[in-house]
Amino acid sequence: IVLVTHEPYIAAYTQRTIRIRDGQIEVSA
């Protein structure tokens, strides 16, 4: 399942978070 959100409190429920800025991966945790 891929979940896309702009809400950090929703992302807190995921096991892995990838941030994308200007089409580039910024942070992978």
N, C-alpha and C. Protein backbone atom coordinates (compact mmCIF):
# COMPACT_ATOMS: atom_id res chain seq x y z
N ILE A 1 0.86 -1.18 0.00
CA ILE A 1 0.00 0.00 0.00
C ILE A 1 0.89 1.23 0.00
N VAL A 2 0.58 2.16 -0.86
CA VAL A 2 1.29 3.44 -0.90
C VAL A 2 0.32 4.51 -0.43
N LEU A 3 0.73 5.28 0.56
CA LEU A 3 -0.09 6.36 1.11
C LEU A 3 0.63 7.67 0.88
N VAL A 4 -0.05 8.62 0.27
CA VAL A 4 0.53 9.94 0.03
C VAL A 4 -0.25 10.93 0.89
N THR A 5 0.47 11.70 1.72
CA THR A 5 -0.19 12.65 2.60
C THR A 5 0.69 13.88 2.83
N HIS A 6 0.05 14.96 3.16
CA HIS A 6 0.76 16.18 3.54
C HIS A 6 0.68 16.38 5.05
N GLU A 7 0.06 15.43 5.75
CA GLU A 7 -0.17 15.56 7.19
C GLU A 7 0.82 14.70 7.98
N PRO A 8 1.73 15.32 8.73
CA PRO A 8 2.72 14.56 9.50
C PRO A 8 2.10 13.61 10.53
N TYR A 9 0.95 13.97 11.09
CA TYR A 9 0.35 13.10 12.10
C TYR A 9 -0.17 11.80 11.47
N ILE A 10 -0.53 11.82 10.21
CA ILE A 10 -0.93 10.59 9.51
C ILE A 10 0.30 9.78 9.16
N ALA A 11 1.35 10.43 8.72
CA ALA A 11 2.60 9.75 8.37
C ALA A 11 3.21 9.06 9.59
N ALA A 12 2.91 9.54 10.79
CA ALA A 12 3.45 8.95 12.02
C ALA A 12 2.99 7.50 12.20
N TYR A 13 1.92 7.10 11.55
CA TYR A 13 1.40 5.73 11.66
C TYR A 13 2.11 4.75 10.74
N THR A 14 2.95 5.23 9.84
CA THR A 14 3.59 4.35 8.86
C THR A 14 4.91 3.79 9.37
N GLN A 15 5.35 2.68 8.76
CA GLN A 15 6.62 2.08 9.12
C GLN A 15 7.78 2.74 8.39
N ARG A 16 7.51 3.29 7.21
CA ARG A 16 8.56 3.91 6.40
C ARG A 16 8.03 5.21 5.81
N THR A 17 8.84 6.24 5.83
CA THR A 17 8.45 7.54 5.29
C THR A 17 9.50 8.00 4.29
N ILE A 18 9.06 8.43 3.14
CA ILE A 18 9.95 8.99 2.11
C ILE A 18 9.45 10.39 1.79
N ARG A 19 10.30 11.38 1.94
CA ARG A 19 9.93 12.76 1.61
C ARG A 19 10.47 13.11 0.24
N ILE A 20 9.61 13.72 -0.57
CA ILE A 20 10.00 14.14 -1.92
C ILE A 20 9.81 15.64 -2.03
N ARG A 21 10.85 16.34 -2.49
CA ARG A 21 10.78 17.79 -2.71
C ARG A 21 11.32 18.08 -4.10
N ASP A 22 10.55 18.82 -4.88
CA ASP A 22 10.93 19.19 -6.24
C ASP A 22 11.30 17.96 -7.08
N GLY A 23 10.57 16.85 -6.87
CA GLY A 23 10.79 15.65 -7.67
C GLY A 23 11.97 14.81 -7.25
N GLN A 24 12.65 15.17 -6.17
CA GLN A 24 13.81 14.43 -5.69
C GLN A 24 13.54 13.88 -4.29
N ILE A 25 14.06 12.69 -4.00
CA ILE A 25 13.94 12.13 -2.66
C ILE A 25 14.82 12.94 -1.73
N GLU A 26 14.20 13.49 -0.68
CA GLU A 26 14.91 14.34 0.27
C GLU A 26 15.38 13.52 1.48
N VAL A 27 14.47 12.73 2.06
CA VAL A 27 14.79 11.94 3.26
C VAL A 27 14.09 10.60 3.13
N SER A 28 14.79 9.54 3.44
CA SER A 28 14.19 8.21 3.49
C SER A 28 14.46 7.64 4.87
N ALA A 29 13.38 7.36 5.60
CA ALA A 29 13.53 6.85 6.97
C ALA A 29 12.77 5.57 7.14
